[in-house]
């Protein structure tokens, strides 16, 4: 079910609804942007971007299986890829620019490799890592630890962490939406051990690799991603961590908006159409 938030005054009221699998805002005939959250989060994680981008774009923020309003569903790689491809297909022309964060970015690469006609462009945030061999060991250890901690305690820790680091109006919708802790083992195992730079190399569309400067673990493979994907470019947000859209929400949103305006050949807000620069790194 897709719920349109354009006419609603309070986005925070929507995230508690249990029938959502995507939040939508913006004109239905506008170019599409699909937002795919990362580990344990939900579509509500993107509420600031949904509000800011929907003036010019049709924006869909999905819940992956086992997350948000779909926490009762088991996570499978097949269902996650279908969710992303399906959301892009609901946009104008049957395609969209898709923004994927962390887990959502890895899954977005898989989806784009499988159905490239549904993807006008990719924005890959916090997922330029090579999760192969020894690089997967920290994640395997984390999986063992997570499985031993009650979900209620993990929720309290996550809520406290978000409230301590960020303003309530920024993280309140995500806190209200809840977390997909039970989906983590299946979700991580579906992407660990795969060479996603090689997966991305098969995608022929434009790509923006958008990382926080203070996210070293997920930047380890930046150069290889750029080398293998000829239409990729890199943009780094100063002072931002793995959660750059929360650390620097305005700068993050501006990067997504500017890339979308270029991809869809729209005039920048308040400006004239400029010649599109090369999309090679």
C-alpha atoms as a PDB file:
ATOM      1  CA  UNK A   1       0.000   0.000   0.000  1.00  0.00           C
ATOM      2  CA  UNK A   2       1.254   3.495  -0.864  1.00  0.00           C
ATOM      3  CA  UNK A   3       0.084   6.379   1.308  1.00  0.00           C
ATOM      4  CA  UNK A   4       0.340   9.875  -0.142  1.00  0.00           C
ATOM      5  CA  UNK A   5       1.528  12.408   2.409  1.00  0.00           C
ATOM      6  CA  UNK A   6       1.219  15.537   0.279  1.00  0.00           C
ATOM      7  CA  UNK A   7      -1.968  16.738   1.926  1.00  0.00           C
ATOM      8  CA  UNK A   8      -0.952  15.802   5.470  1.00  0.00           C
ATOM      9  CA  UNK A   9       0.309  18.441   7.875  1.00  0.00           C
ATOM     10  CA  UNK A  10       2.121  16.053  10.219  1.00  0.00           C
ATOM     11  CA  UNK A  11       4.371  13.405   8.729  1.00  0.00           C
ATOM     12  CA  UNK A  12       5.075  12.058  12.215  1.00  0.00           C
ATOM     13  CA  UNK A  13       1.475  10.883  12.476  1.00  0.00           C
ATOM     14  CA  UNK A  14       1.893   8.730   9.404  1.00  0.00           C
ATOM     15  CA  UNK A  15       4.817   6.636  10.483  1.00  0.00           C
ATOM     16  CA  UNK A  16       2.802   4.900  13.196  1.00  0.00           C
ATOM     17  CA  UNK A  17       0.290   3.565  10.672  1.00  0.00           C
ATOM     18  CA  UNK A  18       0.641  -0.195  10.358  1.00  0.00           C
ATOM     19  CA  UNK A  19      -0.580  -0.511   6.756  1.00  0.00           C
ATOM     20  CA  UNK A  20       2.285   1.347   5.074  1.00  0.00           C
ATOM     21  CA  UNK A  21       4.832  -0.228   2.771  1.00  0.00           C
ATOM     22  CA  UNK A  22       5.760   3.107   1.171  1.00  0.00           C
ATOM     23  CA  UNK A  23       5.257   6.785   1.846  1.00  0.00           C
ATOM     24  CA  UNK A  24       4.666   8.969  -1.203  1.00  0.00           C
ATOM     25  CA  UNK A  25       4.658  12.705  -1.749  1.00  0.00           C
ATOM     26  CA  UNK A  26       4.801  15.073  -4.683  1.00  0.00           C
ATOM     27  CA  UNK A  27       2.956  15.308  -8.017  1.00  0.00           C
ATOM     28  CA  UNK A  28       2.259  11.924  -9.564  1.00  0.00           C
ATOM     29  CA  UNK A  29       3.350  13.181 -12.981  1.00  0.00           C
ATOM     30  CA  UNK A  30       6.693  14.509 -11.696  1.00  0.00           C
ATOM     31  CA  UNK A  31      10.004  12.642 -12.154  1.00  0.00           C
ATOM     32  CA  UNK A  32      10.449   9.945  -9.540  1.00  0.00           C
ATOM     33  CA  UNK A  33      12.865   9.503  -6.655  1.00  0.00           C
ATOM     34  CA  UNK A  34      12.781   6.321  -4.545  1.00  0.00           C
ATOM     35  CA  UNK A  35      14.466   6.297  -1.118  1.00  0.00           C
ATOM     36  CA  UNK A  36      15.673   2.984   0.365  1.00  0.00           C
ATOM     37  CA  UNK A  37      16.667   2.919   4.037  1.00  0.00           C
ATOM     38  CA  UNK A  38      19.528   1.057   5.681  1.00  0.00           C
ATOM     39  CA  UNK A  39      19.844  -1.569   8.401  1.00  0.00           C
ATOM     40  CA  UNK A  40      17.036  -1.630  11.011  1.00  0.00           C
ATOM     41  CA  UNK A  41      15.547   1.688   9.860  1.00  0.00           C
ATOM     42  CA  UNK A  42      12.309   2.352   7.926  1.00  0.00           C
ATOM     43  CA  UNK A  43      10.995   4.604   5.197  1.00  0.00           C
ATOM     44  CA  UNK A  44      10.301   7.175   7.920  1.00  0.00           C
ATOM     45  CA  UNK A  45      14.068   7.635   8.248  1.00  0.00           C
ATOM     46  CA  UNK A  46      13.848   9.796   5.099  1.00  0.00           C
ATOM     47  CA  UNK A  47      11.060  12.127   6.229  1.00  0.00           C
ATOM     48  CA  UNK A  48      13.218  15.271   5.898  1.00  0.00           C
ATOM     49  CA  UNK A  49      14.148  14.336   2.316  1.00  0.00           C
ATOM     50  CA  UNK A  50      10.559  13.407   1.431  1.00  0.00           C
ATOM     51  CA  UNK A  51       9.344  16.831   2.536  1.00  0.00           C
ATOM     52  CA  UNK A  52      12.157  18.744   0.832  1.00  0.00           C
ATOM     53  CA  UNK A  53      12.194  16.914  -2.495  1.00  0.00           C
ATOM     54  CA  UNK A  54       8.462  16.502  -3.087  1.00  0.00           C
ATOM     55  CA  UNK A  55       8.001  20.052  -4.370  1.00  0.00           C
ATOM     56  CA  UNK A  56       9.562  19.033  -7.700  1.00  0.00           C
ATOM     57  CA  UNK A  57       9.621  15.236  -7.640  1.00  0.00           C
ATOM     58  CA  UNK A  58       7.392  12.257  -6.928  1.00  0.00           C
ATOM     59  CA  UNK A  59       9.098  10.752  -3.893  1.00  0.00           C
ATOM     60  CA  UNK A  60       8.564   7.238  -2.539  1.00  0.00           C
ATOM     61  CA  UNK A  61      10.212   6.100   0.716  1.00  0.00           C
ATOM     62  CA  UNK A  62       9.820   2.338   0.998  1.00  0.00           C
ATOM     63  CA  UNK A  63       9.841  -0.041   3.930  1.00  0.00           C
ATOM     64  CA  UNK A  64      11.962  -3.092   3.153  1.00  0.00           C
ATOM     65  CA  UNK A  65      10.578  -6.480   4.253  1.00  0.00           C
ATOM     66  CA  UNK A  66      10.983  -6.953   7.992  1.00  0.00           C
ATOM     67  CA  UNK A  67      11.240  -3.200   8.589  1.00  0.00           C
ATOM     68  CA  UNK A  68       8.879  -0.386   9.517  1.00  0.00           C
ATOM     69  CA  UNK A  69       5.254  -1.297   8.852  1.00  0.00           C
ATOM     70  CA  UNK A  70       6.437  -4.625   7.401  1.00  0.00           C
ATOM     71  CA  UNK A  71       8.186  -5.882  10.528  1.00  0.00           C
ATOM     72  CA  UNK A  72       5.883  -8.902  10.587  1.00  0.00           C
ATOM     73  CA  UNK A  73       7.233 -10.100   7.237  1.00  0.00           C
ATOM     74  CA  UNK A  74      10.373 -12.210   6.901  1.00  0.00           C
ATOM     75  CA  UNK A  75      13.242 -10.547   5.108  1.00  0.00           C
ATOM     76  CA  UNK A  76      14.324 -12.189   1.870  1.00  0.00           C
ATOM     77  CA  UNK A  77      16.645 -10.833  -0.777  1.00  0.00           C
ATOM     78  CA  UNK A  78      14.017 -11.581  -3.414  1.00  0.00           C
ATOM     79  CA  UNK A  79      11.308  -9.610  -1.639  1.00  0.00           C
ATOM     80  CA  UNK A  80      13.662  -6.685  -0.984  1.00  0.00           C
ATOM     81  CA  UNK A  81      14.734  -6.424  -4.627  1.00  0.00           C
ATOM     82  CA  UNK A  82      11.113  -6.706  -5.742  1.00  0.00           C
ATOM     83  CA  UNK A  83      10.191  -3.868  -3.353  1.00  0.00           C
ATOM     84  CA  UNK A  84      12.776  -1.538  -4.875  1.00  0.00           C
ATOM     85  CA  UNK A  85      12.045  -2.456  -8.482  1.00  0.00           C
ATOM     86  CA  UNK A  86       8.304  -2.188  -7.849  1.00  0.00           C
ATOM     87  CA  UNK A  87       8.587   1.266  -6.280  1.00  0.00           C
ATOM     88  CA  UNK A  88      10.661   2.564  -9.187  1.00  0.00           C
ATOM     89  CA  UNK A  89       8.156   1.086 -11.616  1.00  0.00           C
ATOM     90  CA  UNK A  90       5.311   3.034  -9.987  1.00  0.00           C
ATOM     91  CA  UNK A  91       6.941   6.335 -10.914  1.00  0.00           C
ATOM     92  CA  UNK A  92       6.411   8.295 -14.106  1.00  0.00           C
ATOM     93  CA  UNK A  93       7.590   6.399 -17.139  1.00  0.00           C
ATOM     94  CA  UNK A  94       8.084   3.247 -15.086  1.00  0.00           C
ATOM     95  CA  UNK A  95      11.502   4.339 -13.798  1.00  0.00           C
ATOM     96  CA  UNK A  96      13.052   6.464 -11.050  1.00  0.00           C
ATOM     97  CA  UNK A  97      16.290   7.696  -9.584  1.00  0.00           C
ATOM     98  CA  UNK A  98      16.877   5.470  -6.562  1.00  0.00           C
ATOM     99  CA  UNK A  99      18.742   6.552  -3.433  1.00  0.00           C
ATOM    100  CA  UNK A 100      19.993   3.667  -1.294  1.00  0.00           C
ATOM    101  CA  UNK A 101      21.649   3.921   2.120  1.00  0.00           C
ATOM    102  CA  UNK A 102      23.986   1.198   3.410  1.00  0.00           C
ATOM    103  CA  UNK A 103      21.999  -2.072   3.241  1.00  0.00           C
ATOM    104  CA  UNK A 104      19.515  -0.267   1.002  1.00  0.00           C
ATOM    105  CA  UNK A 105      22.360   0.759  -1.284  1.00  0.00           C
ATOM    106  CA  UNK A 106      23.676  -2.769  -1.683  1.00  0.00           C
ATOM    107  CA  UNK A 107      20.174  -4.006  -2.443  1.00  0.00           C
ATOM    108  CA  UNK A 108      19.646  -1.136  -4.887  1.00  0.00           C
ATOM    109  CA  UNK A 109      22.740  -2.225  -6.822  1.00  0.00           C
ATOM    110  CA  UNK A 110      21.355  -5.752  -7.012  1.00  0.00           C
ATOM    111  CA  UNK A 111      17.987  -4.455  -8.185  1.00  0.00           C
ATOM    112  CA  UNK A 112      19.535  -2.183 -10.830  1.00  0.00           C
ATOM    113  CA  UNK A 113      21.617  -5.050 -12.174  1.00  0.00           C
ATOM    114  CA  UNK A 114      18.482  -7.161 -12.481  1.00  0.00           C
ATOM    115  CA  UNK A 115      16.093  -4.556 -13.947  1.00  0.00           C
ATOM    116  CA  UNK A 116      18.182  -1.604 -15.225  1.00  0.00           C
ATOM    117  CA  UNK A 117      15.269  -0.197 -17.230  1.00  0.00           C
ATOM    118  CA  UNK A 118      13.579   0.775 -13.944  1.00  0.00           C
ATOM    119  CA  UNK A 119      16.496   2.927 -12.778  1.00  0.00           C
ATOM    120  CA  UNK A 120      17.082   6.379 -14.242  1.00  0.00           C
ATOM    121  CA  UNK A 121      20.106   6.832 -11.967  1.00  0.00           C
ATOM    122  CA  UNK A 122      21.513   5.659  -8.636  1.00  0.00           C
ATOM    123  CA  UNK A 123      22.614   7.542  -5.533  1.00  0.00           C
ATOM    124  CA  UNK A 124      24.626   5.166  -3.353  1.00  0.00           C
ATOM    125  CA  UNK A 125      25.182   6.397   0.185  1.00  0.00           C
ATOM    126  CA  UNK A 126      27.407   4.623   2.681  1.00  0.00           C
ATOM    127  CA  UNK A 127      27.794   1.417   0.658  1.00  0.00           C
ATOM    128  CA  UNK A 128      31.076   1.719  -1.242  1.00  0.00           C
ATOM    129  CA  UNK A 129      32.627  -1.093   0.779  1.00  0.00           C
ATOM    130  CA  UNK A 130      33.972  -4.434  -0.360  1.00  0.00           C
ATOM    131  CA  UNK A 131      32.325  -6.902   1.998  1.00  0.00           C
ATOM    132  CA  UNK A 132      34.396  -9.931   1.040  1.00  0.00           C
ATOM    133  CA  UNK A 133      36.630 -12.318   2.982  1.00  0.00           C
ATOM    134  CA  UNK A 134      38.114 -10.928   6.202  1.00  0.00           C
ATOM    135  CA  UNK A 135      36.216  -7.662   5.701  1.00  0.00           C
ATOM    136  CA  UNK A 136      33.035  -9.517   6.643  1.00  0.00           C
ATOM    137  CA  UNK A 137      34.352 -10.712  10.019  1.00  0.00           C
ATOM    138  CA  UNK A 138      33.207  -7.642  12.026  1.00  0.00           C
ATOM    139  CA  UNK A 139      29.698  -8.098  10.646  1.00  0.00           C
ATOM    140  CA  UNK A 140      29.694 -11.793  11.483  1.00  0.00           C
ATOM    141  CA  UNK A 141      30.727 -10.955  15.050  1.00  0.00           C
ATOM    142  CA  UNK A 142      28.036  -8.268  15.275  1.00  0.00           C
ATOM    143  CA  UNK A 143      25.421 -10.781  14.134  1.00  0.00           C
ATOM    144  CA  UNK A 144      26.361 -13.129  16.966  1.00  0.00           C
ATOM    145  CA  UNK A 145      26.112 -10.334  19.501  1.00  0.00           C
ATOM    146  CA  UNK A 146      22.823  -8.946  18.211  1.00  0.00           C
ATOM    147  CA  UNK A 147      21.188 -12.363  18.355  1.00  0.00           C
ATOM    148  CA  UNK A 148      21.886 -12.533  22.110  1.00  0.00           C
ATOM    149  CA  UNK A 149      20.369  -9.163  23.025  1.00  0.00           C
ATOM    150  CA  UNK A 150      16.594  -8.781  23.540  1.00  0.00           C
ATOM    151  CA  UNK A 151      14.946  -6.663  20.872  1.00  0.00           C
ATOM    152  CA  UNK A 152      13.400  -4.366  23.483  1.00  0.00           C
ATOM    153  CA  UNK A 153      16.851  -3.508  24.796  1.00  0.00           C
ATOM    154  CA  UNK A 154      18.187  -2.886  21.273  1.00  0.00           C
ATOM    155  CA  UNK A 155      15.246  -0.561  20.696  1.00  0.00           C
ATOM    156  CA  UNK A 156      15.967   1.415  23.861  1.00  0.00           C
ATOM    157  CA  UNK A 157      19.621   1.746  22.884  1.00  0.00           C
ATOM    158  CA  UNK A 158      18.779   2.888  19.365  1.00  0.00           C
ATOM    159  CA  UNK A 159      16.208   5.400  20.584  1.00  0.00           C
ATOM    160  CA  UNK A 160      18.667   6.809  23.114  1.00  0.00           C
ATOM    161  CA  UNK A 161      21.451   7.052  20.538  1.00  0.00           C
ATOM    162  CA  UNK A 162      19.299   8.927  18.032  1.00  0.00           C
ATOM    163  CA  UNK A 163      17.864  11.274  20.660  1.00  0.00           C
ATOM    164  CA  UNK A 164      21.314  12.045  22.040  1.00  0.00           C
ATOM    165  CA  UNK A 165      22.864  12.837  18.655  1.00  0.00           C
ATOM    166  CA  UNK A 166      20.008  14.498  16.773  1.00  0.00           C
ATOM    167  CA  UNK A 167      17.080  16.884  17.219  1.00  0.00           C
ATOM    168  CA  UNK A 168      13.736  15.290  18.006  1.00  0.00           C
ATOM    169  CA  UNK A 169      12.014  16.625  14.887  1.00  0.00           C
ATOM    170  CA  UNK A 170      14.698  14.958  12.766  1.00  0.00           C
ATOM    171  CA  UNK A 171      14.573  11.470  14.271  1.00  0.00           C
ATOM    172  CA  UNK A 172      11.085  11.371  15.825  1.00  0.00           C
ATOM    173  CA  UNK A 173       9.390   9.753  12.798  1.00  0.00           C
ATOM    174  CA  UNK A 174      12.007   6.994  12.653  1.00  0.00           C
ATOM    175  CA  UNK A 175      11.692   6.318  16.383  1.00  0.00           C
ATOM    176  CA  UNK A 176       7.911   6.114  16.017  1.00  0.00           C
ATOM    177  CA  UNK A 177       8.230   3.713  13.068  1.00  0.00           C
ATOM    178  CA  UNK A 178      10.344   1.235  15.048  1.00  0.00           C
ATOM    179  CA  UNK A 179      13.281  -0.922  14.015  1.00  0.00           C
ATOM    180  CA  UNK A 180      13.736  -4.115  12.062  1.00  0.00           C
ATOM    181  CA  UNK A 181      16.212  -5.865  14.327  1.00  0.00           C
ATOM    182  CA  UNK A 182      14.838  -9.328  13.619  1.00  0.00           C
ATOM    183  CA  UNK A 183      15.535  -8.831   9.913  1.00  0.00           C
ATOM    184  CA  UNK A 184      19.235  -8.038  10.380  1.00  0.00           C
ATOM    185  CA  UNK A 185      20.666 -11.584  10.132  1.00  0.00           C
ATOM    186  CA  UNK A 186      18.874 -12.435   6.892  1.00  0.00           C
ATOM    187  CA  UNK A 187      19.426  -8.960   5.456  1.00  0.00           C
ATOM    188  CA  UNK A 188      23.154  -8.861   6.116  1.00  0.00           C
ATOM    189  CA  UNK A 189      23.714 -12.409   4.914  1.00  0.00           C
ATOM    190  CA  UNK A 190      21.960 -11.543   1.667  1.00  0.00           C
ATOM    191  CA  UNK A 191      24.627  -8.949   0.802  1.00  0.00           C
ATOM    192  CA  UNK A 192      27.772 -10.038   2.656  1.00  0.00           C
ATOM    193  CA  UNK A 193      30.349 -11.901   0.608  1.00  0.00           C
ATOM    194  CA  UNK A 194      29.300 -10.278  -2.670  1.00  0.00           C
ATOM    195  CA  UNK A 195      31.446  -7.998  -4.800  1.00  0.00           C
ATOM    196  CA  UNK A 196      29.036  -5.112  -5.284  1.00  0.00           C
ATOM    197  CA  UNK A 197      31.534  -3.004  -7.203  1.00  0.00           C
ATOM    198  CA  UNK A 198      31.433  -5.732  -9.847  1.00  0.00           C
ATOM    199  CA  UNK A 199      27.630  -5.817  -9.605  1.00  0.00           C
ATOM    200  CA  UNK A 200      27.503  -2.050 -10.150  1.00  0.00           C
ATOM    201  CA  UNK A 201      29.815  -2.312 -13.156  1.00  0.00           C
ATOM    202  CA  UNK A 202      26.995  -3.931 -15.130  1.00  0.00           C
ATOM    203  CA  UNK A 203      24.762  -0.887 -14.662  1.00  0.00           C
ATOM    204  CA  UNK A 204      25.125   1.593 -17.515  1.00  0.00           C
ATOM    205  CA  UNK A 205      23.267   4.564 -16.015  1.00  0.00           C
ATOM    206  CA  UNK A 206      24.669   7.535 -14.071  1.00  0.00           C
ATOM    207  CA  UNK A 207      25.705   6.980 -10.460  1.00  0.00           C
ATOM    208  CA  UNK A 208      26.439   9.345  -7.578  1.00  0.00           C
ATOM    209  CA  UNK A 209      28.469   7.846  -4.746  1.00  0.00           C
ATOM    210  CA  UNK A 210      27.543  10.032  -1.785  1.00  0.00           C
ATOM    211  CA  UNK A 211      29.495   9.413   1.405  1.00  0.00           C
ATOM    212  CA  UNK A 212      30.132  11.027   4.763  1.00  0.00           C
ATOM    213  CA  UNK A 213      33.751  12.042   5.233  1.00  0.00           C
ATOM    214  CA  UNK A 214      33.785  10.352   8.650  1.00  0.00           C
ATOM    215  CA  UNK A 215      32.606   6.947   7.437  1.00  0.00           C
ATOM    216  CA  UNK A 216      35.926   5.160   6.813  1.00  0.00           C
ATOM    217  CA  UNK A 217      34.639   1.587   6.914  1.00  0.00           C
ATOM    218  CA  UNK A 218      32.120   2.178   4.140  1.00  0.00           C
ATOM    219  CA  UNK A 219      34.528   4.261   2.058  1.00  0.00           C
ATOM    220  CA  UNK A 220      37.214   1.587   1.764  1.00  0.00           C
ATOM    221  CA  UNK A 221      36.098   0.616  -1.731  1.00  0.00           C
ATOM    222  CA  UNK A 222      35.423   4.080  -3.158  1.00  0.00           C
ATOM    223  CA  UNK A 223      38.218   4.041  -5.699  1.00  0.00           C
ATOM    224  CA  UNK A 224      37.342   0.584  -6.948  1.00  0.00           C
ATOM    225  CA  UNK A 225      33.672   1.511  -7.332  1.00  0.00           C
ATOM    226  CA  UNK A 226      34.654   4.593  -9.317  1.00  0.00           C
ATOM    227  CA  UNK A 227      37.102   2.637 -11.469  1.00  0.00           C
ATOM    228  CA  UNK A 228      34.647  -0.124 -12.354  1.00  0.00           C
ATOM    229  CA  UNK A 229      31.613   2.105 -12.896  1.00  0.00           C
ATOM    230  CA  UNK A 230      32.569   4.560 -15.619  1.00  0.00           C
ATOM    231  CA  UNK A 231      29.530   6.811 -15.180  1.00  0.00           C
ATOM    232  CA  UNK A 232      30.025   7.202 -11.437  1.00  0.00           C
ATOM    233  CA  UNK A 233      31.118  10.319  -9.590  1.00  0.00           C
ATOM    234  CA  UNK A 234      31.949  10.877  -5.947  1.00  0.00           C
ATOM    235  CA  UNK A 235      30.678  13.508  -3.534  1.00  0.00           C
ATOM    236  CA  UNK A 236      31.837  13.564   0.085  1.00  0.00           C
ATOM    237  CA  UNK A 237      29.981  15.465   2.816  1.00  0.00           C
ATOM    238  CA  UNK A 238      32.358  17.035   5.295  1.00  0.00           C
ATOM    239  CA  UNK A 239      31.848  16.268   8.953  1.00  0.00           C
ATOM    240  CA  UNK A 240      29.264  13.563   8.238  1.00  0.00           C
ATOM    241  CA  UNK A 241      29.332   9.957   9.412  1.00  0.00           C
ATOM    242  CA  UNK A 242      27.551   6.874   8.102  1.00  0.00           C
ATOM    243  CA  UNK A 243      24.273   8.696   8.813  1.00  0.00           C
ATOM    244  CA  UNK A 244      25.066  11.699   6.628  1.00  0.00           C
ATOM    245  CA  UNK A 245      21.403  12.431   5.934  1.00  0.00           C
ATOM    246  CA  UNK A 246      20.970  13.033   9.677  1.00  0.00           C
ATOM    247  CA  UNK A 247      24.354  14.654  10.334  1.00  0.00           C
ATOM    248  CA  UNK A 248      24.049  17.135   7.459  1.00  0.00           C
ATOM    249  CA  UNK A 249      20.439  16.863   6.253  1.00  0.00           C
ATOM    250  CA  UNK A 250      20.393  20.045   4.180  1.00  0.00           C
ATOM    251  CA  UNK A 251      23.673  19.301   2.407  1.00  0.00           C
ATOM    252  CA  UNK A 252      22.672  15.694   1.813  1.00  0.00           C
ATOM    253  CA  UNK A 253      19.298  16.699   0.390  1.00  0.00           C
ATOM    254  CA  UNK A 254      20.904  19.344  -1.808  1.00  0.00           C
ATOM    255  CA  UNK A 255      23.266  16.747  -3.277  1.00  0.00           C
ATOM    256  CA  UNK A 256      20.352  14.452  -4.114  1.00  0.00           C
ATOM    257  CA  UNK A 257      18.269  17.306  -5.525  1.00  0.00           C
ATOM    258  CA  UNK A 258      21.065  18.647  -7.718  1.00  0.00           C
ATOM    259  CA  UNK A 259      21.817  15.218  -9.131  1.00  0.00           C
ATOM    260  CA  UNK A 260      18.127  14.603  -9.820  1.00  0.00           C
ATOM    261  CA  UNK A 261      17.789  17.975 -11.561  1.00  0.00           C
ATOM    262  CA  UNK A 262      20.712  17.046 -13.773  1.00  0.00           C
ATOM    263  CA  UNK A 263      19.440  13.554 -14.523  1.00  0.00           C
ATOM    264  CA  UNK A 264      15.967  14.799 -15.382  1.00  0.00           C
ATOM    265  CA  UNK A 265      17.324  17.952 -17.086  1.00  0.00           C
ATOM    266  CA  UNK A 266      15.391  20.323 -14.881  1.00  0.00           C
ATOM    267  CA  UNK A 267      16.354  23.912 -14.218  1.00  0.00           C
ATOM    268  CA  UNK A 268      17.873  24.296 -10.745  1.00  0.00           C
ATOM    269  CA  UNK A 269      15.386  25.827  -8.320  1.00  0.00           C
ATOM    270  CA  UNK A 270      15.449  29.553  -8.957  1.00  0.00           C
ATOM    271  CA  UNK A 271      17.900  29.225 -11.873  1.00  0.00           C
ATOM    272  CA  UNK A 272      18.244  28.470 -15.532  1.00  0.00           C
ATOM    273  CA  UNK A 273      18.940  25.126 -17.159  1.00  0.00           C
ATOM    274  CA  UNK A 274      22.660  24.533 -17.406  1.00  0.00           C
ATOM    275  CA  UNK A 275      24.511  22.199 -19.701  1.00  0.00           C
ATOM    276  CA  UNK A 276      24.794  18.820 -18.032  1.00  0.00           C
ATOM    277  CA  UNK A 277      28.426  18.113 -17.064  1.00  0.00           C
ATOM    278  CA  UNK A 278      30.102  14.801 -17.731  1.00  0.00           C
ATOM    279  CA  UNK A 279      29.013  12.019 -15.413  1.00  0.00           C
ATOM    280  CA  UNK A 280      32.354  10.253 -15.517  1.00  0.00           C
ATOM    281  CA  UNK A 281      34.465  10.194 -12.355  1.00  0.00           C
END
